[in-house]
Amino acid sequence: MVTALGQAAPVTSTSGLPALVPLAMIVVGALLMAVGVTLYLRRVLRYSRWVPAQGVVTGHQDLSGVRLPVVRFTTAEGSQVTATAATPADVATPGRDGAVRLRYDPARPERFTQQGLVVDRTALTALAVDAVGVLLLAAGLVLR
């Protein structure tokens, strides 16, 4: 488009923003969504390699106001492990002497997660990154 003075007018979107702004929002939003999905899939793949076991809650450790369950279990090789969970106890975590299903890392059995526990830091990070990506993508499409 050319102005009355013969100069090229800046290209704008229907919202009046420079045309590259909505496009950049769409691209960044799509990239963030891809990162979020990748984080989640890596989490699923990692935990799928971990070995299921049955454990017993032997107590809880309070760390900066966060209550972490201490669990004792036996590995598939027969080693007894007592370790503190990396994720806080939730309403599904049984009290002392309660049975708990878990999955542990065969390379480092002290690393375990309560089986069925869907929310952990990686899952929350993936969800947050995906949410921001969706919002940016949607805003970019609306402003286009």
N, C-alpha and C. Protein backbone atom coordinates (compact mmCIF):
# COMPACT_ATOMS: atom_id res chain seq x y z
N MET A 1 0.84 -1.17 0.00
CA MET A 1 0.00 0.00 0.00
C MET A 1 0.90 1.24 0.00
N VAL A 2 0.49 2.26 -0.76
CA VAL A 2 1.27 3.48 -0.88
C VAL A 2 0.44 4.65 -0.36
N THR A 3 1.07 5.52 0.43
CA THR A 3 0.37 6.70 0.97
C THR A 3 0.30 7.78 -0.09
N ALA A 4 -0.42 8.86 0.24
CA ALA A 4 -0.58 9.97 -0.70
C ALA A 4 0.76 10.63 -1.04
N LEU A 5 1.75 10.49 -0.14
CA LEU A 5 3.06 11.08 -0.38
C LEU A 5 3.97 10.15 -1.16
N GLY A 6 3.46 9.00 -1.56
CA GLY A 6 4.26 8.06 -2.34
C GLY A 6 5.12 7.13 -1.50
N GLN A 7 4.92 7.15 -0.18
CA GLN A 7 5.70 6.27 0.70
C GLN A 7 4.91 4.99 0.96
N ALA A 8 5.64 3.93 1.20
CA ALA A 8 4.98 2.66 1.51
C ALA A 8 4.43 2.72 2.93
N ALA A 9 3.17 2.37 3.08
CA ALA A 9 2.55 2.33 4.41
C ALA A 9 2.95 1.03 5.10
N PRO A 10 3.12 1.08 6.43
CA PRO A 10 3.48 -0.15 7.14
C PRO A 10 2.35 -1.18 7.03
N VAL A 11 2.74 -2.43 6.89
CA VAL A 11 1.77 -3.51 6.79
C VAL A 11 1.23 -3.79 8.18
N THR A 12 -0.09 -3.74 8.31
CA THR A 12 -0.70 -4.00 9.61
C THR A 12 -1.70 -5.13 9.49
N SER A 13 -2.02 -5.71 10.64
CA SER A 13 -3.03 -6.77 10.67
C SER A 13 -4.39 -6.11 10.81
N THR A 14 -5.45 -6.92 10.82
CA THR A 14 -6.80 -6.38 10.96
C THR A 14 -7.01 -5.71 12.30
N SER A 15 -6.18 -6.04 13.30
CA SER A 15 -6.31 -5.43 14.63
C SER A 15 -5.56 -4.11 14.71
N GLY A 16 -4.83 -3.74 13.68
CA GLY A 16 -4.06 -2.51 13.68
C GLY A 16 -2.63 -2.69 14.15
N LEU A 17 -2.29 -3.88 14.62
CA LEU A 17 -0.92 -4.17 15.03
C LEU A 17 -0.06 -4.44 13.81
N PRO A 18 1.24 -4.21 13.91
CA PRO A 18 2.10 -4.62 12.80
C PRO A 18 1.88 -6.11 12.50
N ALA A 19 1.88 -6.48 11.25
CA ALA A 19 1.52 -7.84 10.83
C ALA A 19 2.40 -8.92 11.45
N LEU A 20 3.63 -8.57 11.80
CA LEU A 20 4.53 -9.59 12.36
C LEU A 20 4.20 -9.95 13.81
N VAL A 21 3.51 -9.08 14.54
CA VAL A 21 3.21 -9.36 15.95
C VAL A 21 2.30 -10.58 16.09
N PRO A 22 1.14 -10.62 15.41
CA PRO A 22 0.32 -11.83 15.53
C PRO A 22 1.03 -13.08 15.01
N LEU A 23 1.80 -12.92 13.93
CA LEU A 23 2.54 -14.07 13.39
C LEU A 23 3.56 -14.57 14.40
N ALA A 24 4.27 -13.66 15.05
CA ALA A 24 5.25 -14.05 16.07
C ALA A 24 4.55 -14.75 17.23
N MET A 25 3.37 -14.26 17.63
CA MET A 25 2.62 -14.90 18.72
C MET A 25 2.22 -16.32 18.33
N ILE A 26 1.81 -16.52 17.10
CA ILE A 26 1.43 -17.85 16.62
C ILE A 26 2.63 -18.78 16.64
N VAL A 27 3.76 -18.31 16.13
CA VAL A 27 4.97 -19.15 16.06
C VAL A 27 5.47 -19.49 17.46
N VAL A 28 5.57 -18.49 18.34
CA VAL A 28 6.05 -18.74 19.70
C VAL A 28 5.07 -19.65 20.44
N GLY A 29 3.78 -19.43 20.26
CA GLY A 29 2.77 -20.28 20.89
C GLY A 29 2.90 -21.73 20.45
N ALA A 30 3.08 -21.94 19.15
CA ALA A 30 3.24 -23.31 18.63
C ALA A 30 4.51 -23.96 19.17
N LEU A 31 5.60 -23.18 19.24
CA LEU A 31 6.85 -23.72 19.79
C LEU A 31 6.70 -24.09 21.26
N LEU A 32 6.04 -23.24 22.04
CA LEU A 32 5.83 -23.55 23.46
C LEU A 32 4.97 -24.80 23.63
N MET A 33 3.96 -24.94 22.78
CA MET A 33 3.14 -26.15 22.85
C MET A 33 3.97 -27.39 22.55
N ALA A 34 4.86 -27.30 21.56
CA ALA A 34 5.73 -28.43 21.23
C ALA A 34 6.66 -28.76 22.39
N VAL A 35 7.20 -27.74 23.06
CA VAL A 35 8.07 -27.97 24.22
C VAL A 35 7.29 -28.65 25.34
N GLY A 36 6.08 -28.17 25.61
CA GLY A 36 5.25 -28.77 26.66
C GLY A 36 4.93 -30.22 26.39
N VAL A 37 4.57 -30.54 25.16
CA VAL A 37 4.27 -31.93 24.80
C VAL A 37 5.53 -32.78 24.92
N THR A 38 6.67 -32.26 24.49
CA THR A 38 7.93 -33.00 24.60
C THR A 38 8.27 -33.29 26.05
N LEU A 39 8.12 -32.30 26.93
CA LEU A 39 8.38 -32.52 28.36
C LEU A 39 7.49 -33.63 28.91
N TYR A 40 6.22 -33.59 28.55
CA TYR A 40 5.29 -34.60 29.07
C TYR A 40 5.62 -35.99 28.52
N LEU A 41 5.92 -36.09 27.24
CA LEU A 41 6.25 -37.39 26.65
C LEU A 41 7.54 -37.96 27.23
N ARG A 42 8.53 -37.10 27.49
CA ARG A 42 9.77 -37.57 28.13
C ARG A 42 9.47 -38.12 29.52
N ARG A 43 8.58 -37.46 30.25
CA ARG A 43 8.18 -37.92 31.59
C ARG A 43 7.52 -39.30 31.49
N VAL A 44 6.59 -39.45 30.56
CA VAL A 44 5.89 -40.73 30.39
C VAL A 44 6.89 -41.82 30.02
N LEU A 45 7.80 -41.53 29.10
CA LEU A 45 8.80 -42.52 28.68
C LEU A 45 9.71 -42.90 29.83
N ARG A 46 10.15 -41.91 30.61
CA ARG A 46 11.03 -42.19 31.75
C ARG A 46 10.33 -43.10 32.76
N TYR A 47 9.11 -42.75 33.14
CA TYR A 47 8.41 -43.54 34.15
C TYR A 47 7.99 -44.91 33.62
N SER A 48 7.84 -45.06 32.31
CA SER A 48 7.47 -46.37 31.77
C SER A 48 8.62 -47.37 31.93
N ARG A 49 9.84 -46.88 32.06
CA ARG A 49 11.01 -47.75 32.25
C ARG A 49 11.20 -48.12 33.72
N TRP A 50 10.54 -47.43 34.62
CA TRP A 50 10.69 -47.69 36.04
C TRP A 50 9.91 -48.95 36.42
N VAL A 51 10.35 -49.60 37.48
CA VAL A 51 9.82 -50.90 37.89
C VAL A 51 8.73 -50.71 38.96
N PRO A 52 7.58 -51.39 38.79
CA PRO A 52 6.55 -51.29 39.83
C PRO A 52 6.92 -52.09 41.07
N ALA A 53 6.49 -51.61 42.23
CA ALA A 53 6.74 -52.31 43.49
C ALA A 53 5.66 -51.91 44.49
N GLN A 54 5.58 -52.69 45.55
CA GLN A 54 4.68 -52.39 46.66
C GLN A 54 5.54 -51.93 47.83
N GLY A 55 5.17 -50.84 48.47
CA GLY A 55 5.94 -50.32 49.59
C GLY A 55 5.07 -50.05 50.79
N VAL A 56 5.70 -49.66 51.88
CA VAL A 56 5.01 -49.31 53.12
C VAL A 56 5.52 -47.94 53.57
N VAL A 57 4.59 -47.06 53.91
CA VAL A 57 4.97 -45.75 54.44
C VAL A 57 5.46 -45.95 55.87
N THR A 58 6.72 -45.58 56.12
CA THR A 58 7.29 -45.76 57.46
C THR A 58 7.26 -44.47 58.27
N GLY A 59 6.93 -43.38 57.64
CA GLY A 59 6.86 -42.10 58.33
C GLY A 59 6.82 -40.97 57.32
N HIS A 60 7.03 -39.77 57.82
CA HIS A 60 7.05 -38.59 56.95
C HIS A 60 8.19 -37.69 57.37
N GLN A 61 8.76 -37.01 56.40
CA GLN A 61 9.82 -36.04 56.68
C GLN A 61 9.28 -34.66 56.32
N ASP A 62 9.37 -33.74 57.25
CA ASP A 62 8.93 -32.37 56.98
C ASP A 62 10.12 -31.56 56.49
N LEU A 63 9.99 -31.00 55.30
CA LEU A 63 11.06 -30.23 54.69
C LEU A 63 10.49 -28.87 54.29
N SER A 64 10.84 -27.84 55.03
CA SER A 64 10.37 -26.47 54.75
C SER A 64 8.84 -26.41 54.66
N GLY A 65 8.17 -27.10 55.56
CA GLY A 65 6.71 -27.07 55.58
C GLY A 65 6.05 -28.03 54.61
N VAL A 66 6.83 -28.80 53.87
CA VAL A 66 6.30 -29.78 52.93
C VAL A 66 6.46 -31.16 53.56
N ARG A 67 5.41 -31.95 53.51
CA ARG A 67 5.41 -33.28 54.13
C ARG A 67 5.71 -34.33 53.07
N LEU A 68 6.90 -34.95 53.17
CA LEU A 68 7.33 -35.97 52.22
C LEU A 68 7.24 -37.35 52.86
N PRO A 69 6.57 -38.31 52.19
CA PRO A 69 6.48 -39.66 52.76
C PRO A 69 7.82 -40.40 52.67
N VAL A 70 8.14 -41.15 53.72
CA VAL A 70 9.30 -42.04 53.73
C VAL A 70 8.75 -43.44 53.50
N VAL A 71 9.27 -44.13 52.49
CA VAL A 71 8.71 -45.41 52.07
C VAL A 71 9.79 -46.49 52.07
N ARG A 72 9.41 -47.69 52.51
CA ARG A 72 10.30 -48.85 52.47
C ARG A 72 9.71 -49.84 51.47
N PHE A 73 10.57 -50.35 50.58
CA PHE A 73 10.12 -51.34 49.61
C PHE A 73 11.28 -52.25 49.24
N THR A 74 10.96 -53.35 48.57
CA THR A 74 11.96 -54.30 48.12
C THR A 74 12.02 -54.26 46.60
N THR A 75 13.23 -54.15 46.05
CA THR A 75 13.40 -54.11 44.60
C THR A 75 13.19 -55.49 44.00
N ALA A 76 13.09 -55.55 42.70
CA ALA A 76 12.93 -56.83 42.00
C ALA A 76 14.14 -57.74 42.24
N GLU A 77 15.30 -57.15 42.53
CA GLU A 77 16.52 -57.93 42.80
C GLU A 77 16.59 -58.39 44.25
N GLY A 78 15.64 -57.93 45.08
CA GLY A 78 15.61 -58.35 46.48
C GLY A 78 16.25 -57.40 47.47
N SER A 79 16.74 -56.26 47.02
CA SER A 79 17.34 -55.27 47.92
C SER A 79 16.25 -54.48 48.63
N GLN A 80 16.43 -54.25 49.92
CA GLN A 80 15.48 -53.43 50.68
C GLN A 80 15.92 -51.97 50.60
N VAL A 81 14.97 -51.10 50.28
CA VAL A 81 15.25 -49.68 50.12
C VAL A 81 14.30 -48.89 51.02
N THR A 82 14.84 -47.94 51.75
CA THR A 82 14.02 -46.96 52.48
C THR A 82 14.44 -45.59 51.98
N ALA A 83 13.49 -44.86 51.43
CA ALA A 83 13.82 -43.58 50.81
C ALA A 83 12.68 -42.59 51.01
N THR A 84 13.02 -41.33 50.91
CA THR A 84 12.04 -40.25 51.01
C THR A 84 11.58 -39.87 49.61
N ALA A 85 10.28 -39.74 49.44
CA ALA A 85 9.72 -39.37 48.14
C ALA A 85 10.16 -37.95 47.77
N ALA A 86 10.29 -37.70 46.48
CA ALA A 86 10.66 -36.37 46.01
C ALA A 86 9.44 -35.46 45.90
N THR A 87 8.25 -36.06 45.84
CA THR A 87 7.02 -35.28 45.74
C THR A 87 6.27 -35.35 47.06
N PRO A 88 5.59 -34.28 47.43
CA PRO A 88 4.90 -34.23 48.72
C PRO A 88 3.77 -35.25 48.82
N ALA A 89 3.46 -35.62 50.05
CA ALA A 89 2.32 -36.49 50.30
C ALA A 89 1.05 -35.74 49.90
N ASP A 90 0.11 -36.46 49.32
CA ASP A 90 -1.18 -35.86 48.99
C ASP A 90 -2.27 -36.67 49.68
N VAL A 91 -3.51 -36.36 49.38
CA VAL A 91 -4.61 -37.03 50.06
C VAL A 91 -4.64 -38.53 49.76
N ALA A 92 -4.05 -38.96 48.64
CA ALA A 92 -4.04 -40.38 48.29
C ALA A 92 -2.92 -41.14 48.99
N THR A 93 -1.98 -40.43 49.62
CA THR A 93 -0.86 -41.09 50.30
C THR A 93 -1.34 -41.61 51.65
N PRO A 94 -1.17 -42.92 51.88
CA PRO A 94 -1.62 -43.47 53.16
C PRO A 94 -0.73 -42.98 54.31
N GLY A 95 -1.24 -43.12 55.53
CA GLY A 95 -0.48 -42.76 56.71
C GLY A 95 0.56 -43.82 57.03
N ARG A 96 1.19 -43.67 58.19
CA ARG A 96 2.23 -44.60 58.64
C ARG A 96 1.71 -46.03 58.60
N ASP A 97 2.56 -46.95 58.12
CA ASP A 97 2.27 -48.38 57.96
C ASP A 97 1.25 -48.67 56.86
N GLY A 98 0.89 -47.67 56.08
CA GLY A 98 -0.03 -47.87 54.97
C GLY A 98 0.71 -48.36 53.73
N ALA A 99 0.06 -49.22 52.97
CA ALA A 99 0.65 -49.76 51.74
C ALA A 99 0.54 -48.71 50.63
N VAL A 100 1.56 -48.68 49.80
CA VAL A 100 1.58 -47.74 48.68
C VAL A 100 2.19 -48.44 47.47
N ARG A 101 1.55 -48.25 46.32
CA ARG A 101 2.11 -48.76 45.06
C ARG A 101 3.02 -47.68 44.50
N LEU A 102 4.17 -48.10 43.99
CA LEU A 102 5.14 -47.13 43.49
C LEU A 102 5.86 -47.68 42.28
N ARG A 103 6.61 -46.81 41.64
CA ARG A 103 7.51 -47.20 40.54
C ARG A 103 8.86 -46.60 40.90
N TYR A 104 9.94 -47.41 40.76
CA TYR A 104 11.27 -46.91 41.10
C TYR A 104 12.20 -47.04 39.91
N ASP A 105 13.23 -46.21 39.92
CA ASP A 105 14.25 -46.20 38.88
C ASP A 105 15.19 -47.38 39.15
N PRO A 106 15.27 -48.36 38.24
CA PRO A 106 16.13 -49.52 38.50
C PRO A 106 17.61 -49.16 38.64
N ALA A 107 18.04 -48.06 38.02
CA ALA A 107 19.43 -47.64 38.14
C ALA A 107 19.70 -46.98 39.49
N ARG A 108 18.70 -46.33 40.05
CA ARG A 108 18.80 -45.65 41.35
C ARG A 108 17.50 -45.87 42.11
N PRO A 109 17.36 -47.01 42.79
CA PRO A 109 16.08 -47.35 43.44
C PRO A 109 15.59 -46.33 44.47
N GLU A 110 16.47 -45.50 44.99
CA GLU A 110 16.01 -44.49 45.96
C GLU A 110 15.17 -43.41 45.28
N ARG A 111 15.19 -43.38 43.95
CA ARG A 111 14.32 -42.48 43.18
C ARG A 111 13.05 -43.24 42.85
N PHE A 112 11.94 -42.79 43.39
CA PHE A 112 10.68 -43.46 43.11
C PHE A 112 9.55 -42.44 43.07
N THR A 113 8.43 -42.86 42.53
CA THR A 113 7.23 -42.04 42.52
C THR A 113 6.06 -42.91 42.89
N GLN A 114 5.12 -42.32 43.57
CA GLN A 114 3.92 -43.06 43.93
C GLN A 114 3.14 -43.36 42.66
N GLN A 115 2.82 -44.63 42.43
CA GLN A 115 2.10 -45.01 41.22
C GLN A 115 0.70 -44.41 41.26
N GLY A 116 0.28 -43.85 40.16
CA GLY A 116 -1.02 -43.20 40.11
C GLY A 116 -0.95 -41.72 40.43
N LEU A 117 0.19 -41.27 40.94
CA LEU A 117 0.36 -39.85 41.23
C LEU A 117 0.61 -39.14 39.91
N VAL A 118 -0.36 -38.39 39.46
CA VAL A 118 -0.29 -37.78 38.14
C VAL A 118 0.49 -36.47 38.16
N VAL A 119 0.40 -35.75 39.25
CA VAL A 119 0.98 -34.41 39.30
C VAL A 119 2.37 -34.45 39.92
N ASP A 120 3.35 -34.03 39.18
CA ASP A 120 4.69 -33.80 39.70
C ASP A 120 5.21 -32.54 39.03
N ARG A 121 6.41 -32.13 39.37
CA ARG A 121 6.93 -30.87 38.82
C ARG A 121 7.00 -30.89 37.30
N THR A 122 7.44 -32.00 36.72
CA THR A 122 7.55 -32.06 35.26
C THR A 122 6.19 -31.93 34.60
N ALA A 123 5.20 -32.63 35.16
CA ALA A 123 3.85 -32.55 34.59
C ALA A 123 3.29 -31.14 34.72
N LEU A 124 3.50 -30.50 35.86
CA LEU A 124 3.01 -29.14 36.05
C LEU A 124 3.71 -28.16 35.12
N THR A 125 5.02 -28.33 34.94
CA THR A 125 5.77 -27.47 34.02
C THR A 125 5.26 -27.65 32.60
N ALA A 126 5.07 -28.90 32.18
CA ALA A 126 4.57 -29.17 30.84
C ALA A 126 3.19 -28.55 30.64
N LEU A 127 2.34 -28.67 31.63
CA LEU A 127 0.99 -28.10 31.55
C LEU A 127 1.05 -26.58 31.46
N ALA A 128 1.90 -25.95 32.27
CA ALA A 128 2.02 -24.49 32.24
C ALA A 128 2.55 -24.00 30.90
N VAL A 129 3.57 -24.67 30.38
CA VAL A 129 4.15 -24.27 29.08
C VAL A 129 3.11 -24.44 27.98
N ASP A 130 2.36 -25.55 28.01
CA ASP A 130 1.31 -25.76 27.02
C ASP A 130 0.22 -24.69 27.12
N ALA A 131 -0.16 -24.33 28.34
CA ALA A 131 -1.21 -23.33 28.53
C ALA A 131 -0.78 -21.98 27.96
N VAL A 132 0.45 -21.57 28.24
CA VAL A 132 0.95 -20.30 27.70
C VAL A 132 1.01 -20.39 26.17
N GLY A 133 1.44 -21.53 25.65
CA GLY A 133 1.50 -21.71 24.20
C GLY A 133 0.13 -21.60 23.55
N VAL A 134 -0.87 -22.23 24.15
CA VAL A 134 -2.24 -22.16 23.62
C VAL A 134 -2.75 -20.73 23.65
N LEU A 135 -2.51 -20.03 24.76
CA LEU A 135 -2.97 -18.64 24.86
C LEU A 135 -2.31 -17.75 23.81
N LEU A 136 -1.01 -17.89 23.63
CA LEU A 136 -0.32 -17.09 22.61
C LEU A 136 -0.81 -17.42 21.21
N LEU A 137 -0.97 -18.70 20.93
CA LEU A 137 -1.45 -19.13 19.62
C LEU A 137 -2.85 -18.57 19.36
N ALA A 138 -3.73 -18.69 20.33
CA ALA A 138 -5.10 -18.19 20.17
C ALA A 138 -5.11 -16.67 20.00
N ALA A 139 -4.32 -15.96 20.81
CA ALA A 139 -4.27 -14.50 20.69
C ALA A 139 -3.72 -14.09 19.33
N GLY A 140 -2.70 -14.79 18.87
CA GLY A 140 -2.14 -14.48 17.55
C GLY A 140 -3.15 -14.69 16.44
N LEU A 141 -3.94 -15.76 16.54
CA LEU A 141 -4.96 -16.02 15.51
C LEU A 141 -6.08 -14.98 15.55
N VAL A 142 -6.46 -14.56 16.75
CA VAL A 142 -7.52 -13.55 16.88
C VAL A 142 -7.05 -12.20 16.35
N LEU A 143 -5.80 -11.84 16.64
CA LEU A 143 -5.28 -10.54 16.24
C LEU A 143 -4.84 -10.48 14.78
N ARG A 144 -4.77 -11.60 14.12
CA ARG A 144 -4.30 -11.67 12.75
C ARG A 144 -5.17 -10.92 11.82
